[in-house]
């Protein structure tokens, strides 16, 4: 088995998940829903979490999407 050396990086915390440093590789993804549609975004967030995602990003292109963030964050499994 071949081992690949990872370059050294500074650890950064995203909530309770460490990225970089000596942390294991983190599974992450991004939703492709309209973030203003909270139900669709939460549905996709739950699906991604069930698949093992540890970090999920969402796009916030406008005020409507920004206004949906508190509800999404409060109900997100991650």
N, C-alpha and C. Protein backbone atom coordinates (compact mmCIF):
# COMPACT_ATOMS: atom_id res chain seq x y z
N UNK A 1 0.84 -1.18 0.00
CA UNK A 1 0.00 0.00 0.00
C UNK A 1 0.89 1.24 0.00
N UNK A 2 0.57 2.19 -0.88
CA UNK A 2 1.36 3.41 -0.98
C UNK A 2 0.80 4.47 -0.02
N UNK A 3 1.68 5.15 0.68
CA UNK A 3 1.28 6.22 1.57
C UNK A 3 1.70 7.54 0.97
N UNK A 4 0.79 8.50 0.98
CA UNK A 4 1.08 9.83 0.45
C UNK A 4 1.21 10.78 1.64
N UNK A 5 2.29 11.51 1.69
CA UNK A 5 2.50 12.47 2.78
C UNK A 5 1.62 13.70 2.56
N UNK A 6 0.95 14.11 3.62
CA UNK A 6 0.11 15.31 3.55
C UNK A 6 0.96 16.51 3.93
N UNK A 7 0.72 17.62 3.27
CA UNK A 7 1.45 18.84 3.64
C UNK A 7 0.89 19.36 4.96
N UNK A 8 1.73 20.00 5.72
CA UNK A 8 1.31 20.56 7.00
C UNK A 8 0.42 21.77 6.78
N UNK A 9 -0.65 21.86 7.53
CA UNK A 9 -1.54 23.00 7.46
C UNK A 9 -2.00 23.36 8.86
N UNK A 10 -2.49 24.56 9.01
CA UNK A 10 -2.99 25.00 10.31
C UNK A 10 -4.41 24.45 10.51
N UNK A 11 -4.71 24.00 11.72
CA UNK A 11 -6.06 23.52 11.98
C UNK A 11 -7.06 24.67 12.04
N UNK A 12 -8.23 24.43 11.48
CA UNK A 12 -9.33 25.39 11.51
C UNK A 12 -10.55 24.62 11.98
N UNK A 13 -11.36 25.23 12.82
CA UNK A 13 -12.56 24.57 13.32
C UNK A 13 -13.78 25.12 12.61
N UNK A 14 -14.61 24.24 12.09
CA UNK A 14 -15.90 24.59 11.49
C UNK A 14 -16.94 23.96 12.42
N UNK A 15 -17.45 24.75 13.34
CA UNK A 15 -18.30 24.19 14.38
C UNK A 15 -17.47 23.25 15.23
N UNK A 16 -17.87 22.00 15.33
CA UNK A 16 -17.15 21.02 16.13
C UNK A 16 -16.22 20.16 15.28
N UNK A 17 -16.07 20.49 14.00
CA UNK A 17 -15.27 19.68 13.07
C UNK A 17 -13.96 20.39 12.78
N UNK A 18 -12.85 19.69 13.02
CA UNK A 18 -11.54 20.25 12.71
C UNK A 18 -11.18 19.92 11.26
N UNK A 19 -10.71 20.94 10.56
CA UNK A 19 -10.23 20.79 9.19
C UNK A 19 -8.76 21.20 9.18
N UNK A 20 -7.92 20.38 8.59
CA UNK A 20 -6.50 20.71 8.53
C UNK A 20 -5.76 20.23 9.77
N UNK A 21 -4.51 20.64 9.88
CA UNK A 21 -3.68 20.16 10.98
C UNK A 21 -3.49 18.67 10.85
N UNK A 22 -3.65 17.96 11.96
CA UNK A 22 -3.49 16.51 11.92
C UNK A 22 -4.84 15.79 11.92
N UNK A 23 -5.92 16.53 11.62
CA UNK A 23 -7.26 15.94 11.59
C UNK A 23 -7.42 15.03 10.38
N UNK A 24 -8.26 14.01 10.50
CA UNK A 24 -8.53 13.18 9.33
C UNK A 24 -9.26 13.99 8.25
N UNK A 25 -9.25 13.50 7.04
CA UNK A 25 -9.93 14.17 5.94
C UNK A 25 -11.42 14.25 6.25
N UNK A 26 -12.02 15.41 6.00
CA UNK A 26 -13.42 15.66 6.31
C UNK A 26 -14.26 15.55 5.04
N UNK A 27 -15.37 14.82 5.13
CA UNK A 27 -16.29 14.71 4.01
C UNK A 27 -17.19 15.94 4.02
N UNK A 28 -17.21 16.66 2.91
CA UNK A 28 -18.03 17.86 2.83
C UNK A 28 -18.67 17.98 1.46
N UNK A 29 -19.79 18.72 1.42
CA UNK A 29 -20.50 18.91 0.18
C UNK A 29 -21.22 20.25 0.23
N UNK A 30 -21.94 20.54 -0.84
CA UNK A 30 -22.70 21.79 -0.92
C UNK A 30 -24.08 21.46 -1.48
N UNK A 31 -25.10 22.12 -0.93
CA UNK A 31 -26.44 21.90 -1.45
C UNK A 31 -26.56 22.54 -2.83
N UNK A 32 -27.49 22.05 -3.63
CA UNK A 32 -27.75 22.66 -4.93
C UNK A 32 -29.20 23.13 -5.01
N UNK A 33 -29.80 23.38 -3.85
CA UNK A 33 -31.16 23.89 -3.79
C UNK A 33 -31.15 25.41 -3.71
N UNK A 34 -32.31 26.01 -3.89
CA UNK A 34 -32.46 27.44 -3.64
C UNK A 34 -32.49 27.59 -2.12
N UNK A 35 -31.51 28.22 -1.54
CA UNK A 35 -31.39 28.31 -0.09
C UNK A 35 -32.60 28.98 0.54
N UNK A 36 -33.27 29.86 -0.17
CA UNK A 36 -34.49 30.49 0.35
C UNK A 36 -35.61 29.47 0.54
N UNK A 37 -35.53 28.33 -0.15
CA UNK A 37 -36.49 27.24 0.03
C UNK A 37 -35.97 26.37 1.18
N UNK A 38 -36.35 26.73 2.39
CA UNK A 38 -35.80 26.07 3.57
C UNK A 38 -36.10 24.58 3.60
N UNK A 39 -37.30 24.17 3.22
CA UNK A 39 -37.65 22.75 3.29
C UNK A 39 -36.80 21.93 2.33
N UNK A 40 -36.61 22.41 1.11
CA UNK A 40 -35.79 21.68 0.14
C UNK A 40 -34.33 21.62 0.60
N UNK A 41 -33.85 22.73 1.14
CA UNK A 41 -32.46 22.78 1.60
C UNK A 41 -32.26 21.86 2.80
N UNK A 42 -33.21 21.87 3.74
CA UNK A 42 -33.10 20.97 4.90
C UNK A 42 -33.21 19.51 4.47
N UNK A 43 -34.09 19.21 3.54
CA UNK A 43 -34.23 17.83 3.05
C UNK A 43 -32.89 17.35 2.48
N UNK A 44 -32.26 18.19 1.67
CA UNK A 44 -30.99 17.80 1.08
C UNK A 44 -29.90 17.72 2.15
N UNK A 45 -29.94 18.59 3.14
CA UNK A 45 -28.97 18.56 4.24
C UNK A 45 -29.07 17.25 5.00
N UNK A 46 -30.29 16.80 5.30
CA UNK A 46 -30.47 15.52 5.99
C UNK A 46 -29.97 14.36 5.12
N UNK A 47 -30.22 14.41 3.82
CA UNK A 47 -29.74 13.34 2.93
C UNK A 47 -28.22 13.28 2.93
N UNK A 48 -27.58 14.45 2.84
CA UNK A 48 -26.12 14.49 2.84
C UNK A 48 -25.55 14.00 4.18
N UNK A 49 -26.19 14.38 5.27
CA UNK A 49 -25.74 13.94 6.59
C UNK A 49 -25.83 12.42 6.71
N UNK A 50 -26.91 11.84 6.19
CA UNK A 50 -27.07 10.39 6.23
C UNK A 50 -26.00 9.68 5.41
N UNK A 51 -25.49 10.37 4.39
CA UNK A 51 -24.44 9.79 3.55
C UNK A 51 -23.04 9.97 4.14
N UNK A 52 -22.96 10.67 5.28
CA UNK A 52 -21.67 10.81 5.96
C UNK A 52 -21.01 12.16 5.88
N UNK A 53 -21.68 13.15 5.31
CA UNK A 53 -21.09 14.48 5.25
C UNK A 53 -20.93 15.05 6.65
N UNK A 54 -19.82 15.73 6.87
CA UNK A 54 -19.55 16.35 8.16
C UNK A 54 -19.67 17.87 8.08
N UNK A 55 -19.52 18.42 6.89
CA UNK A 55 -19.69 19.85 6.65
C UNK A 55 -20.54 20.01 5.40
N UNK A 56 -21.57 20.84 5.48
CA UNK A 56 -22.42 21.11 4.32
C UNK A 56 -22.49 22.61 4.13
N UNK A 57 -22.16 23.05 2.92
CA UNK A 57 -22.19 24.47 2.59
C UNK A 57 -23.47 24.80 1.83
N UNK A 58 -23.92 26.04 1.97
CA UNK A 58 -25.07 26.53 1.20
C UNK A 58 -24.70 27.86 0.57
N UNK A 59 -25.30 28.16 -0.57
CA UNK A 59 -25.08 29.44 -1.24
C UNK A 59 -26.02 30.48 -0.64
N UNK A 60 -25.52 31.70 -0.51
CA UNK A 60 -26.35 32.80 0.01
C UNK A 60 -26.21 33.98 -0.98
N UNK A 61 -26.92 33.87 -2.12
CA UNK A 61 -26.75 34.87 -3.17
C UNK A 61 -27.56 36.16 -2.97
N UNK A 62 -28.53 36.13 -2.05
CA UNK A 62 -29.36 37.33 -1.89
C UNK A 62 -29.96 37.39 -0.48
N UNK A 63 -30.74 38.42 -0.22
CA UNK A 63 -31.33 38.63 1.11
C UNK A 63 -32.34 37.53 1.48
N UNK A 64 -33.05 37.01 0.50
CA UNK A 64 -34.02 35.94 0.78
C UNK A 64 -33.31 34.69 1.29
N UNK A 65 -32.21 34.36 0.66
CA UNK A 65 -31.42 33.21 1.12
C UNK A 65 -30.84 33.47 2.50
N UNK A 66 -30.35 34.68 2.72
CA UNK A 66 -29.79 35.03 4.03
C UNK A 66 -30.86 34.96 5.12
N UNK A 67 -32.07 35.37 4.81
CA UNK A 67 -33.16 35.34 5.79
C UNK A 67 -33.54 33.91 6.16
N UNK A 68 -33.28 32.95 5.28
CA UNK A 68 -33.62 31.55 5.55
C UNK A 68 -32.58 30.86 6.42
N UNK A 69 -31.39 31.42 6.54
CA UNK A 69 -30.31 30.75 7.27
C UNK A 69 -30.63 30.41 8.72
N UNK A 70 -31.23 31.31 9.51
CA UNK A 70 -31.51 30.94 10.91
C UNK A 70 -32.36 29.67 11.05
N UNK A 71 -33.37 29.53 10.21
CA UNK A 71 -34.21 28.33 10.27
C UNK A 71 -33.42 27.10 9.82
N UNK A 72 -32.64 27.24 8.77
CA UNK A 72 -31.85 26.11 8.27
C UNK A 72 -30.85 25.65 9.34
N UNK A 73 -30.14 26.59 9.92
CA UNK A 73 -29.13 26.26 10.93
C UNK A 73 -29.77 25.62 12.15
N UNK A 74 -30.90 26.15 12.59
CA UNK A 74 -31.52 25.62 13.81
C UNK A 74 -32.10 24.22 13.62
N UNK A 75 -32.40 23.82 12.40
CA UNK A 75 -32.97 22.49 12.17
C UNK A 75 -32.01 21.52 11.48
N UNK A 76 -30.81 21.98 11.18
CA UNK A 76 -29.85 21.14 10.48
C UNK A 76 -29.28 20.06 11.40
N UNK A 77 -29.08 18.85 10.88
CA UNK A 77 -28.48 17.79 11.70
C UNK A 77 -26.97 17.95 11.88
N UNK A 78 -26.40 18.88 11.14
CA UNK A 78 -24.96 19.10 11.22
C UNK A 78 -24.69 20.51 11.70
